[in-house]
Amino acid sequence: MAGGIVRVGVMIGPERGDSARKVARMIDDVTWAENAGLDTAWVPQIPTDFDALTAVALMGARTARIELGTAVVPLQAQHPIALARQALSAQAAARGRLALGIGPSHHWIVRDMLGLPYERPAGLTRDYLDVLDKALGGPGPVDVENATFTVHNPLDLGPVSPLPVLLAALGPVMLALAGERADGTVLWMADERAVAEHVVPRITKAAEGAGRPAPRVVAGIPVCLCRPSEVDAARERANRILGEAEISPNYQRLLDYGDATDIGDLCAAGDEKAIADRFRRFADAGVTDLSVRLLPLGEGRDALVASKRRTREVLAGIAADLR
């Protein structure tokens, strides 16, 4: 396979439902992922729901091997010292298995929901990384002064093992920053062509120029195991359930770099061979990690649960074949 080995992970989030049941559901899902041999569980930071790093700490206490990543924590919502403290605590709880995915988010979250300025996101991210990098390299004093932050903060925490930082990067400036300053990028709404022609060349060139190792490229895609006759229905369901993010100009620009026009086009839908072939195309494009958003299909709860279980079983088999 031209793209080499691909690590396959699954998105695990609180989703909707009773708050009292969210933790048990997430623990069940990550236990399945670890036992199935998946490489990573990716926890999205949903604006309206459970805290991703708290979820990582909970999952880390109940697992032994699987990597646990955030995808992604918005930067504007908290000070970099606070984020570093939380990340280092979660990493310790997970015994060193955290991959910290962060990013400047989108205007409809930062400005419209939080009421914070959404200006110079790349500049803010660079300044934020100045503080975060220093804090994650602790323990010790964090002394940073730049255009955004003036920080003189002692910190007694340090990483229990190397803590990779992955930066959500969609445009050329952010991809260059991810290559120069981070360990890779976490993507959503990027198809194979966008990855091969836009993402990988820019982030790889920046990493090489900074003398950094080859970056990880984590691509998030919906996956639905179904009959060929149901593929259109699966894509329609993806657009209905996951299409809200397409209102972001950041995602619209990323779609312009590829062939997909919406999240339905990005959905790997069909039988086992169709899904495996789609994974291989992402690998050939330069993706190092796949973050699978399971998309069950069916009428009623029982049918959806059964669809999710069948998809998980097939996913585990494909993941083993891609190693």
C-alpha atoms as a PDB file:
ATOM      1  CA  MET A   1       0.000   0.000   0.000  1.00  0.00           C
ATOM      2  CA  ALA A   2       1.555   3.286  -1.125  1.00  0.00           C
ATOM      3  CA  GLY A   3       0.476   5.190   1.939  1.00  0.00           C
ATOM      4  CA  GLY A   4       2.040   2.698   4.363  1.00  0.00           C
ATOM      5  CA  ILE A   5       0.624   1.545   7.676  1.00  0.00           C
ATOM      6  CA  VAL A   6      -2.518   3.292   8.877  1.00  0.00           C
ATOM      7  CA  ARG A   7      -3.591   3.391  12.501  1.00  0.00           C
ATOM      8  CA  VAL A   8      -7.367   3.058  12.844  1.00  0.00           C
ATOM      9  CA  GLY A   9      -9.298   4.604  15.687  1.00  0.00           C
ATOM     10  CA  VAL A  10     -12.908   5.307  16.548  1.00  0.00           C
ATOM     11  CA  MET A  11     -14.649   8.453  17.745  1.00  0.00           C
ATOM     12  CA  ILE A  12     -16.167   8.072  21.186  1.00  0.00           C
ATOM     13  CA  GLY A  13     -18.305  10.884  22.507  1.00  0.00           C
ATOM     14  CA  PRO A  14     -21.075  11.460  24.983  1.00  0.00           C
ATOM     15  CA  GLU A  15     -23.672  11.875  22.213  1.00  0.00           C
ATOM     16  CA  ARG A  16     -27.230  12.620  23.237  1.00  0.00           C
ATOM     17  CA  GLY A  17     -29.189  11.170  26.114  1.00  0.00           C
ATOM     18  CA  ASP A  18     -29.361  11.002  29.879  1.00  0.00           C
ATOM     19  CA  SER A  19     -26.329  12.632  31.515  1.00  0.00           C
ATOM     20  CA  ALA A  20     -26.221   9.895  34.151  1.00  0.00           C
ATOM     21  CA  ARG A  21     -25.597   7.279  31.451  1.00  0.00           C
ATOM     22  CA  LYS A  22     -22.944   9.078  29.418  1.00  0.00           C
ATOM     23  CA  VAL A  23     -19.941   7.875  31.395  1.00  0.00           C
ATOM     24  CA  ALA A  24     -21.002   4.228  31.357  1.00  0.00           C
ATOM     25  CA  ARG A  25     -21.648   4.415  27.612  1.00  0.00           C
ATOM     26  CA  MET A  26     -18.232   5.931  26.909  1.00  0.00           C
ATOM     27  CA  ILE A  27     -16.484   3.358  29.098  1.00  0.00           C
ATOM     28  CA  ASP A  28     -18.301   0.539  27.299  1.00  0.00           C
ATOM     29  CA  ASP A  29     -17.297   1.951  23.907  1.00  0.00           C
ATOM     30  CA  VAL A  30     -13.614   2.426  24.750  1.00  0.00           C
ATOM     31  CA  THR A  31     -13.435  -1.016  26.361  1.00  0.00           C
ATOM     32  CA  TRP A  32     -14.766  -2.486  23.132  1.00  0.00           C
ATOM     33  CA  ALA A  33     -12.254  -0.464  21.072  1.00  0.00           C
ATOM     34  CA  GLU A  34      -9.305  -1.642  23.145  1.00  0.00           C
ATOM     35  CA  ASN A  35     -10.422  -5.283  23.138  1.00  0.00           C
ATOM     36  CA  ALA A  36     -11.025  -5.092  19.372  1.00  0.00           C
ATOM     37  CA  GLY A  37      -7.428  -4.023  18.819  1.00  0.00           C
ATOM     38  CA  LEU A  38      -8.088  -0.500  17.566  1.00  0.00           C
ATOM     39  CA  ASP A  39      -5.197   1.915  17.932  1.00  0.00           C
ATOM     40  CA  THR A  40      -6.930   5.048  19.172  1.00  0.00           C
ATOM     41  CA  ALA A  41     -10.144   6.438  20.582  1.00  0.00           C
ATOM     42  CA  TRP A  42     -10.802  10.053  19.593  1.00  0.00           C
ATOM     43  CA  VAL A  43     -13.009  12.152  21.861  1.00  0.00           C
ATOM     44  CA  PRO A  44     -14.634  15.169  20.184  1.00  0.00           C
ATOM     45  CA  GLN A  45     -15.171  18.309  22.244  1.00  0.00           C
ATOM     46  CA  ILE A  46     -18.840  18.924  21.538  1.00  0.00           C
ATOM     47  CA  PRO A  47     -19.741  22.557  22.406  1.00  0.00           C
ATOM     48  CA  THR A  48     -22.890  21.542  24.274  1.00  0.00           C
ATOM     49  CA  ASP A  49     -21.726  18.427  26.063  1.00  0.00           C
ATOM     50  CA  PHE A  50     -19.194  16.447  28.115  1.00  0.00           C
ATOM     51  CA  ASP A  51     -15.640  17.690  28.641  1.00  0.00           C
ATOM     52  CA  ALA A  52     -13.246  15.775  26.361  1.00  0.00           C
ATOM     53  CA  LEU A  53     -10.240  15.716  28.687  1.00  0.00           C
ATOM     54  CA  THR A  54     -12.378  14.566  31.593  1.00  0.00           C
ATOM     55  CA  ALA A  55     -13.572  11.752  29.322  1.00  0.00           C
ATOM     56  CA  VAL A  56      -9.943  10.885  28.529  1.00  0.00           C
ATOM     57  CA  ALA A  57      -9.113  10.656  32.229  1.00  0.00           C
ATOM     58  CA  LEU A  58     -12.109   8.382  32.839  1.00  0.00           C
ATOM     59  CA  MET A  59     -11.313   6.166  29.866  1.00  0.00           C
ATOM     60  CA  GLY A  60      -7.641   6.059  30.748  1.00  0.00           C
ATOM     61  CA  ALA A  61      -8.413   4.671  34.180  1.00  0.00           C
ATOM     62  CA  ARG A  62     -10.369   1.782  32.629  1.00  0.00           C
ATOM     63  CA  THR A  63      -8.006   0.838  29.774  1.00  0.00           C
ATOM     64  CA  ALA A  64      -4.378  -0.217  29.484  1.00  0.00           C
ATOM     65  CA  ARG A  65      -3.163   0.121  25.897  1.00  0.00           C
ATOM     66  CA  ILE A  66      -5.268   2.237  23.560  1.00  0.00           C
ATOM     67  CA  GLU A  67      -4.213   5.813  22.765  1.00  0.00           C
ATOM     68  CA  LEU A  68      -6.775   8.448  23.770  1.00  0.00           C
ATOM     69  CA  GLY A  69      -6.987  11.622  21.706  1.00  0.00           C
ATOM     70  CA  THR A  70      -9.019  14.811  21.850  1.00  0.00           C
ATOM     71  CA  ALA A  71     -10.453  16.010  18.556  1.00  0.00           C
ATOM     72  CA  VAL A  72     -10.281  18.833  19.367  1.00  0.00           C
ATOM     73  CA  VAL A  73     -10.191  21.149  22.391  1.00  0.00           C
ATOM     74  CA  PRO A  74     -10.945  24.782  21.404  1.00  0.00           C
ATOM     75  CA  LEU A  75      -8.194  27.144  22.518  1.00  0.00           C
ATOM     76  CA  GLN A  76     -10.211  30.270  23.212  1.00  0.00           C
ATOM     77  CA  ALA A  77     -12.330  28.669  25.919  1.00  0.00           C
ATOM     78  CA  GLN A  78      -9.516  28.539  28.477  1.00  0.00           C
ATOM     79  CA  HIS A  79      -6.116  29.971  29.331  1.00  0.00           C
ATOM     80  CA  PRO A  80      -3.155  27.889  28.106  1.00  0.00           C
ATOM     81  CA  ILE A  81      -1.985  27.296  31.671  1.00  0.00           C
ATOM     82  CA  ALA A  82      -5.411  25.903  32.559  1.00  0.00           C
ATOM     83  CA  LEU A  83      -5.392  23.686  29.472  1.00  0.00           C
ATOM     84  CA  ALA A  84      -1.863  22.465  30.225  1.00  0.00           C
ATOM     85  CA  ARG A  85      -2.808  21.625  33.798  1.00  0.00           C
ATOM     86  CA  GLN A  86      -5.886  19.725  32.652  1.00  0.00           C
ATOM     87  CA  ALA A  87      -4.017  17.905  29.873  1.00  0.00           C
ATOM     88  CA  LEU A  88      -1.141  16.871  32.139  1.00  0.00           C
ATOM     89  CA  SER A  89      -3.612  15.597  34.721  1.00  0.00           C
ATOM     90  CA  ALA A  90      -5.531  13.592  32.107  1.00  0.00           C
ATOM     91  CA  GLN A  91      -2.281  12.247  30.674  1.00  0.00           C
ATOM     92  CA  ALA A  92      -1.231  11.026  34.109  1.00  0.00           C
ATOM     93  CA  ALA A  93      -4.635   9.367  34.617  1.00  0.00           C
ATOM     94  CA  ALA A  94      -4.227   7.647  31.236  1.00  0.00           C
ATOM     95  CA  ARG A  95      -0.652   6.630  32.104  1.00  0.00           C
ATOM     96  CA  GLY A  96       0.868   8.548  29.216  1.00  0.00           C
ATOM     97  CA  ARG A  97      -1.603   7.630  26.450  1.00  0.00           C
ATOM     98  CA  LEU A  98      -3.025  11.086  25.667  1.00  0.00           C
ATOM     99  CA  ALA A  99      -2.733  12.702  22.241  1.00  0.00           C
ATOM    100  CA  LEU A 100      -3.782  16.316  22.778  1.00  0.00           C
ATOM    101  CA  GLY A 101      -5.716  17.613  19.802  1.00  0.00           C
ATOM    102  CA  ILE A 102      -6.309  21.371  19.950  1.00  0.00           C
ATOM    103  CA  GLY A 103      -7.434  24.113  17.603  1.00  0.00           C
ATOM    104  CA  PRO A 104      -8.798  27.644  17.247  1.00  0.00           C
ATOM    105  CA  SER A 105     -12.287  26.303  16.478  1.00  0.00           C
ATOM    106  CA  HIS A 106     -14.836  28.246  14.391  1.00  0.00           C
ATOM    107  CA  HIS A 107     -16.613  31.578  14.541  1.00  0.00           C
ATOM    108  CA  TRP A 108     -19.986  29.954  15.272  1.00  0.00           C
ATOM    109  CA  ILE A 109     -18.571  28.409  18.445  1.00  0.00           C
ATOM    110  CA  VAL A 110     -16.148  31.056  19.677  1.00  0.00           C
ATOM    111  CA  ARG A 111     -18.003  34.237  18.697  1.00  0.00           C
ATOM    112  CA  ASP A 112     -21.652  33.177  18.467  1.00  0.00           C
ATOM    113  CA  MET A 113     -21.772  30.714  21.384  1.00  0.00           C
ATOM    114  CA  LEU A 114     -19.060  31.930  23.771  1.00  0.00           C
ATOM    115  CA  GLY A 115     -19.196  35.637  22.957  1.00  0.00           C
ATOM    116  CA  LEU A 116     -15.416  35.819  22.517  1.00  0.00           C
ATOM    117  CA  PRO A 117     -13.486  37.519  19.721  1.00  0.00           C
ATOM    118  CA  TYR A 118     -12.661  35.369  16.717  1.00  0.00           C
ATOM    119  CA  GLU A 119      -9.798  37.367  15.292  1.00  0.00           C
ATOM    120  CA  ARG A 120      -6.379  36.298  14.058  1.00  0.00           C
ATOM    121  CA  PRO A 121      -6.960  32.607  14.837  1.00  0.00           C
ATOM    122  CA  ALA A 122      -3.560  31.598  13.471  1.00  0.00           C
ATOM    123  CA  GLY A 123      -1.800  34.370  15.385  1.00  0.00           C
ATOM    124  CA  LEU A 124      -3.630  33.445  18.561  1.00  0.00           C
ATOM    125  CA  THR A 125      -2.689  29.792  18.061  1.00  0.00           C
ATOM    126  CA  ARG A 126       0.999  30.639  17.641  1.00  0.00           C
ATOM    127  CA  ASP A 127       0.989  32.740  20.817  1.00  0.00           C
ATOM    128  CA  TYR A 128      -1.004  30.076  22.655  1.00  0.00           C
ATOM    129  CA  LEU A 129       1.531  27.409  21.679  1.00  0.00           C
ATOM    130  CA  ASP A 130       4.339  29.539  23.125  1.00  0.00           C
ATOM    131  CA  VAL A 131       2.747  29.159  26.548  1.00  0.00           C
ATOM    132  CA  LEU A 132       1.379  25.640  26.134  1.00  0.00           C
ATOM    133  CA  ASP A 133       4.675  24.192  24.894  1.00  0.00           C
ATOM    134  CA  LYS A 134       6.529  25.673  27.827  1.00  0.00           C
ATOM    135  CA  ALA A 135       3.924  24.410  30.300  1.00  0.00           C
ATOM    136  CA  LEU A 136       3.817  20.903  28.831  1.00  0.00           C
ATOM    137  CA  GLY A 137       7.603  20.744  29.080  1.00  0.00           C
ATOM    138  CA  GLY A 138       7.477  21.168  32.876  1.00  0.00           C
ATOM    139  CA  PRO A 139       7.682  20.981  35.738  1.00  0.00           C
ATOM    140  CA  GLY A 140       9.107  24.421  36.196  1.00  0.00           C
ATOM    141  CA  PRO A 141       8.334  28.088  35.763  1.00  0.00           C
ATOM    142  CA  VAL A 142       6.357  29.149  32.709  1.00  0.00           C
ATOM    143  CA  ASP A 143       7.636  32.581  31.707  1.00  0.00           C
ATOM    144  CA  VAL A 144       6.280  33.760  28.349  1.00  0.00           C
ATOM    145  CA  GLU A 145       5.521  37.222  27.032  1.00  0.00           C
ATOM    146  CA  ASN A 146       4.145  37.708  23.539  1.00  0.00           C
ATOM    147  CA  ALA A 147       1.477  39.743  21.771  1.00  0.00           C
ATOM    148  CA  THR A 148      -1.369  37.859  23.484  1.00  0.00           C
ATOM    149  CA  PHE A 149      -0.082  36.515  26.797  1.00  0.00           C
ATOM    150  CA  THR A 150       2.040  37.710  29.669  1.00  0.00           C
ATOM    151  CA  VAL A 151       2.570  34.636  31.815  1.00  0.00           C
ATOM    152  CA  HIS A 152       4.802  34.078  34.854  1.00  0.00           C
ATOM    153  CA  ASN A 153       3.373  30.953  36.389  1.00  0.00           C
ATOM    154  CA  PRO A 154       5.059  28.177  38.374  1.00  0.00           C
ATOM    155  CA  LEU A 155       3.873  24.696  37.470  1.00  0.00           C
ATOM    156  CA  ASP A 156       4.744  21.569  39.421  1.00  0.00           C
ATOM    157  CA  LEU A 157       3.213  19.170  36.884  1.00  0.00           C
ATOM    158  CA  GLY A 158       5.121  17.527  34.071  1.00  0.00           C
ATOM    159  CA  PRO A 159       4.279  14.921  31.426  1.00  0.00           C
ATOM    160  CA  VAL A 160       4.613  11.294  32.504  1.00  0.00           C
ATOM    161  CA  SER A 161       5.828  10.495  28.967  1.00  0.00           C
ATOM    162  CA  PRO A 162       6.132  12.469  25.704  1.00  0.00           C
ATOM    163  CA  LEU A 163       2.787  14.174  25.067  1.00  0.00           C
ATOM    164  CA  PRO A 164       2.002  14.627  21.363  1.00  0.00           C
ATOM    165  CA  VAL A 165       0.132  17.792  20.413  1.00  0.00           C
ATOM    166  CA  LEU A 166      -1.950  17.717  17.233  1.00  0.00           C
ATOM    167  CA  LEU A 167      -3.272  20.927  15.745  1.00  0.00           C
ATOM    168  CA  ALA A 168      -6.531  21.195  13.828  1.00  0.00           C
ATOM    169  CA  ALA A 169      -5.352  22.831  10.612  1.00  0.00           C
ATOM    170  CA  LEU A 170      -7.415  23.416   7.492  1.00  0.00           C
ATOM    171  CA  GLY A 171      -5.818  26.329   5.618  1.00  0.00           C
ATOM    172  CA  PRO A 172      -2.240  26.926   4.420  1.00  0.00           C
ATOM    173  CA  VAL A 173      -1.180  29.129   7.354  1.00  0.00           C
ATOM    174  CA  MET A 174      -2.465  26.724  10.001  1.00  0.00           C
ATOM    175  CA  LEU A 175      -0.992  23.715   8.194  1.00  0.00           C
ATOM    176  CA  ALA A 176       2.400  25.418   8.156  1.00  0.00           C
ATOM    177  CA  LEU A 177       2.057  26.156  11.858  1.00  0.00           C
ATOM    178  CA  ALA A 178       1.075  22.545  12.564  1.00  0.00           C
ATOM    179  CA  GLY A 179       4.149  21.311  10.747  1.00  0.00           C
ATOM    180  CA  GLU A 180       6.484  23.769  12.465  1.00  0.00           C
ATOM    181  CA  ARG A 181       5.152  23.557  16.002  1.00  0.00           C
ATOM    182  CA  ALA A 182       3.029  20.422  16.492  1.00  0.00           C
ATOM    183  CA  ASP A 183       3.208  16.668  15.971  1.00  0.00           C
ATOM    184  CA  GLY A 184       0.567  16.607  13.278  1.00  0.00           C
ATOM    185  CA  THR A 185      -2.966  17.615  12.447  1.00  0.00           C
ATOM    186  CA  VAL A 186      -6.515  16.424  13.076  1.00  0.00           C
ATOM    187  CA  LEU A 187      -8.849  16.825  10.087  1.00  0.00           C
ATOM    188  CA  TRP A 188     -12.566  16.824   9.446  1.00  0.00           C
ATOM    189  CA  MET A 189     -14.214  17.424   6.065  1.00  0.00           C
ATOM    190  CA  ALA A 190     -11.047  16.526   4.119  1.00  0.00           C
ATOM    191  CA  ASP A 191     -11.363  13.939   1.347  1.00  0.00           C
ATOM    192  CA  GLU A 192      -8.541  11.998  -0.296  1.00  0.00           C
ATOM    193  CA  ARG A 193      -7.703  14.662  -2.862  1.00  0.00           C
ATOM    194  CA  ALA A 194      -7.679  17.448  -0.267  1.00  0.00           C
ATOM    195  CA  VAL A 195      -5.359  15.373   1.905  1.00  0.00           C
ATOM    196  CA  ALA A 196      -2.986  14.427  -0.927  1.00  0.00           C
ATOM    197  CA  GLU A 197      -2.780  17.765  -2.722  1.00  0.00           C
ATOM    198  CA  HIS A 198      -3.397  20.310   0.030  1.00  0.00           C
ATOM    199  CA  VAL A 199      -2.764  18.957   3.528  1.00  0.00           C
ATOM    200  CA  VAL A 200       0.159  16.551   3.266  1.00  0.00           C
ATOM    201  CA  PRO A 201       2.477  18.654   1.060  1.00  0.00           C
ATOM    202  CA  ARG A 202       2.092  21.768   3.210  1.00  0.00           C
ATOM    203  CA  ILE A 203       2.380  20.197   6.646  1.00  0.00           C
ATOM    204  CA  THR A 204       5.235  17.915   5.572  1.00  0.00           C
ATOM    205  CA  LYS A 205       7.230  20.755   4.035  1.00  0.00           C
ATOM    206  CA  ALA A 206       6.804  22.839   7.180  1.00  0.00           C
ATOM    207  CA  ALA A 207       7.870  19.963   9.431  1.00  0.00           C
ATOM    208  CA  GLU A 208      10.929  19.269   7.317  1.00  0.00           C
ATOM    209  CA  GLY A 209      11.876  22.945   7.351  1.00  0.00           C
ATOM    210  CA  ALA A 210      11.633  22.999  11.144  1.00  0.00           C
ATOM    211  CA  GLY A 211      13.653  19.799  11.484  1.00  0.00           C
ATOM    212  CA  ARG A 212      10.720  17.930  12.984  1.00  0.00           C
ATOM    213  CA  PRO A 213       9.706  14.296  12.382  1.00  0.00           C
ATOM    214  CA  ALA A 214       7.112  13.441   9.747  1.00  0.00           C
ATOM    215  CA  PRO A 215       3.756  14.690  11.063  1.00  0.00           C
ATOM    216  CA  ARG A 216       0.741  12.583  11.852  1.00  0.00           C
ATOM    217  CA  VAL A 217      -2.279  13.259   9.651  1.00  0.00           C
ATOM    218  CA  VAL A 218      -5.484  12.168  11.359  1.00  0.00           C
ATOM    219  CA  ALA A 219      -8.524  12.130   9.072  1.00  0.00           C
ATOM    220  CA  GLY A 220     -12.007  11.855  10.515  1.00  0.00           C
ATOM    221  CA  ILE A 221     -14.608  10.121   8.355  1.00  0.00           C
ATOM    222  CA  PRO A 222     -18.080   8.660   8.905  1.00  0.00           C
ATOM    223  CA  VAL A 223     -18.399   4.925   8.230  1.00  0.00           C
ATOM    224  CA  CYS A 224     -21.575   2.970   7.558  1.00  0.00           C
ATOM    225  CA  LEU A 225     -21.697  -0.753   6.832  1.00  0.00           C
ATOM    226  CA  CYS A 226     -24.662  -1.359   4.572  1.00  0.00           C
ATOM    227  CA  ARG A 227     -25.847  -3.032   1.397  1.00  0.00           C
ATOM    228  CA  PRO A 228     -24.862  -1.347  -1.885  1.00  0.00           C
ATOM    229  CA  SER A 229     -28.513  -0.426  -2.388  1.00  0.00           C
ATOM    230  CA  GLU A 230     -28.425   1.518   0.908  1.00  0.00           C
ATOM    231  CA  VAL A 231     -25.361   3.674   0.178  1.00  0.00           C
ATOM    232  CA  ASP A 232     -27.403   6.695  -0.885  1.00  0.00           C
ATOM    233  CA  ALA A 233     -29.487   6.427   2.289  1.00  0.00           C
ATOM    234  CA  ALA A 234     -26.292   6.273   4.369  1.00  0.00           C
ATOM    235  CA  ARG A 235     -24.954   9.413   2.721  1.00  0.00           C
ATOM    236  CA  GLU A 236     -28.251  11.202   3.248  1.00  0.00           C
ATOM    237  CA  ARG A 237     -28.146  10.209   6.930  1.00  0.00           C
ATOM    238  CA  ALA A 238     -24.588  11.539   7.223  1.00  0.00           C
ATOM    239  CA  ASN A 239     -25.696  14.868   5.769  1.00  0.00           C
ATOM    240  CA  ARG A 240     -28.685  15.015   8.095  1.00  0.00           C
ATOM    241  CA  ILE A 241     -26.828  14.134  11.307  1.00  0.00           C
ATOM    242  CA  LEU A 242     -23.350  15.552  10.698  1.00  0.00           C
ATOM    243  CA  GLY A 243     -23.914  18.309   8.162  1.00  0.00           C
ATOM    244  CA  GLU A 244     -24.158  21.232  10.592  1.00  0.00           C
ATOM    245  CA  ALA A 245     -20.402  21.818  10.542  1.00  0.00           C
ATOM    246  CA  GLU A 246     -20.539  22.601   6.848  1.00  0.00           C
ATOM    247  CA  ILE A 247     -21.754  26.108   7.664  1.00  0.00           C
ATOM    248  CA  SER A 248     -18.201  26.982   8.716  1.00  0.00           C
ATOM    249  CA  PRO A 249     -16.256  28.947   6.085  1.00  0.00           C
ATOM    250  CA  ASN A 250     -13.169  27.018   7.227  1.00  0.00           C
ATOM    251  CA  TYR A 251     -14.736  23.729   6.191  1.00  0.00           C
ATOM    252  CA  GLN A 252     -16.131  25.191   2.991  1.00  0.00           C
ATOM    253  CA  ARG A 253     -12.642  26.260   1.941  1.00  0.00           C
ATOM    254  CA  LEU A 254     -11.289  22.810   2.767  1.00  0.00           C
ATOM    255  CA  LEU A 255     -13.999  21.150   0.675  1.00  0.00           C
ATOM    256  CA  ASP A 256     -12.912  23.332  -2.242  1.00  0.00           C
ATOM    257  CA  TYR A 257      -9.507  21.611  -2.206  1.00  0.00           C
ATOM    258  CA  GLY A 258     -11.093  18.208  -2.805  1.00  0.00           C
ATOM    259  CA  ASP A 259     -13.840  16.468  -4.723  1.00  0.00           C
ATOM    260  CA  ALA A 260     -16.359  16.077  -1.899  1.00  0.00           C
ATOM    261  CA  THR A 261     -19.153  18.636  -1.644  1.00  0.00           C
ATOM    262  CA  ASP A 262     -20.569  17.559   1.720  1.00  0.00           C
ATOM    263  CA  ILE A 263     -20.092  15.113   4.591  1.00  0.00           C
ATOM    264  CA  GLY A 264     -22.144  12.510   2.734  1.00  0.00           C
ATOM    265  CA  ASP A 265     -19.478  12.355   0.031  1.00  0.00           C
ATOM    266  CA  LEU A 266     -16.876  11.700   2.733  1.00  0.00           C
ATOM    267  CA  CYS A 267     -18.831   8.823   4.237  1.00  0.00           C
ATOM    268  CA  ALA A 268     -17.257   5.406   3.680  1.00  0.00           C
ATOM    269  CA  ALA A 269     -20.471   3.500   3.025  1.00  0.00           C
ATOM    270  CA  GLY A 270     -21.171   0.051   1.626  1.00  0.00           C
ATOM    271  CA  ASP A 271     -19.991  -3.481   2.251  1.00  0.00           C
ATOM    272  CA  GLU A 272     -16.718  -4.476   3.898  1.00  0.00           C
ATOM    273  CA  LYS A 273     -14.744  -4.281   0.647  1.00  0.00           C
ATOM    274  CA  ALA A 274     -16.065  -0.801  -0.160  1.00  0.00           C
ATOM    275  CA  ILE A 275     -15.094   0.502   3.273  1.00  0.00           C
ATOM    276  CA  ALA A 276     -11.645  -1.119   3.146  1.00  0.00           C
ATOM    277  CA  ASP A 277     -11.027   0.303  -0.328  1.00  0.00           C
ATOM    278  CA  ARG A 278     -11.950   3.794   0.897  1.00  0.00           C
ATOM    279  CA  PHE A 279      -9.565   3.441   3.838  1.00  0.00           C
ATOM    280  CA  ARG A 280      -6.771   2.436   1.459  1.00  0.00           C
ATOM    281  CA  ARG A 281      -7.393   5.484  -0.703  1.00  0.00           C
ATOM    282  CA  PHE A 282      -6.970   7.689   2.364  1.00  0.00           C
ATOM    283  CA  ALA A 283      -3.774   5.809   3.194  1.00  0.00           C
ATOM    284  CA  ASP A 284      -2.458   6.349  -0.317  1.00  0.00           C
ATOM    285  CA  ALA A 285      -3.237  10.059   0.063  1.00  0.00           C
ATOM    286  CA  GLY A 286      -0.881  10.250   3.051  1.00  0.00           C
ATOM    287  CA  VAL A 287      -3.172   9.781   6.039  1.00  0.00           C
ATOM    288  CA  THR A 288      -1.401   8.144   8.991  1.00  0.00           C
ATOM    289  CA  ASP A 289      -4.475   7.755  11.235  1.00  0.00           C
ATOM    290  CA  LEU A 290      -8.175   7.298  10.561  1.00  0.00           C
ATOM    291  CA  SER A 291     -10.725   8.463  13.112  1.00  0.00           C
ATOM    292  CA  VAL A 292     -13.966   6.645  12.366  1.00  0.00           C
ATOM    293  CA  ARG A 293     -17.317   8.149  13.224  1.00  0.00           C
ATOM    294  CA  LEU A 294     -19.656   5.149  13.297  1.00  0.00           C
ATOM    295  CA  LEU A 295     -22.869   5.865  11.404  1.00  0.00           C
ATOM    296  CA  PRO A 296     -25.492   3.185  12.027  1.00  0.00           C
ATOM    297  CA  LEU A 297     -28.374   2.821   9.617  1.00  0.00           C
ATOM    298  CA  GLY A 298     -31.842   1.473  10.305  1.00  0.00           C
ATOM    299  CA  GLU A 299     -35.373   2.185  11.458  1.00  0.00           C
ATOM    300  CA  GLY A 300     -35.777   2.253  15.227  1.00  0.00           C
ATOM    301  CA  ARG A 301     -33.392   1.843  18.127  1.00  0.00           C
ATOM    302  CA  ASP A 302     -32.925  -1.922  17.865  1.00  0.00           C
ATOM    303  CA  ALA A 303     -32.007  -1.703  14.180  1.00  0.00           C
ATOM    304  CA  LEU A 304     -29.549   1.124  14.830  1.00  0.00           C
ATOM    305  CA  VAL A 305     -27.879  -0.778  17.676  1.00  0.00           C
ATOM    306  CA  ALA A 306     -27.538  -3.876  15.513  1.00  0.00           C
ATOM    307  CA  SER A 307     -26.112  -1.800  12.663  1.00  0.00           C
ATOM    308  CA  LYS A 308     -23.540  -0.235  14.990  1.00  0.00           C
ATOM    309  CA  ARG A 309     -22.422  -3.654  16.235  1.00  0.00           C
ATOM    310  CA  ARG A 310     -22.032  -5.044  12.714  1.00  0.00           C
ATOM    311  CA  THR A 311     -20.053  -1.985  11.645  1.00  0.00           C
ATOM    312  CA  ARG A 312     -17.760  -2.270  14.668  1.00  0.00           C
ATOM    313  CA  GLU A 313     -16.999  -5.912  13.916  1.00  0.00           C
ATOM    314  CA  VAL A 314     -16.094  -5.127  10.317  1.00  0.00           C
ATOM    315  CA  LEU A 315     -14.051  -2.100  11.392  1.00  0.00           C
ATOM    316  CA  ALA A 316     -11.912  -4.239  13.701  1.00  0.00           C
ATOM    317  CA  GLY A 317     -11.155  -6.655  10.879  1.00  0.00           C
ATOM    318  CA  ILE A 318     -10.233  -3.914   8.410  1.00  0.00           C
ATOM    319  CA  ALA A 319      -8.001  -2.232  11.011  1.00  0.00           C
ATOM    320  CA  ALA A 320      -6.039  -5.432  11.492  1.00  0.00           C
ATOM    321  CA  ASP A 321      -5.558  -5.793   7.714  1.00  0.00           C
ATOM    322  CA  LEU A 322      -4.233  -2.226   7.382  1.00  0.00           C
ATOM    323  CA  ARG A 323      -1.380  -2.709   9.858  1.00  0.00           C
END
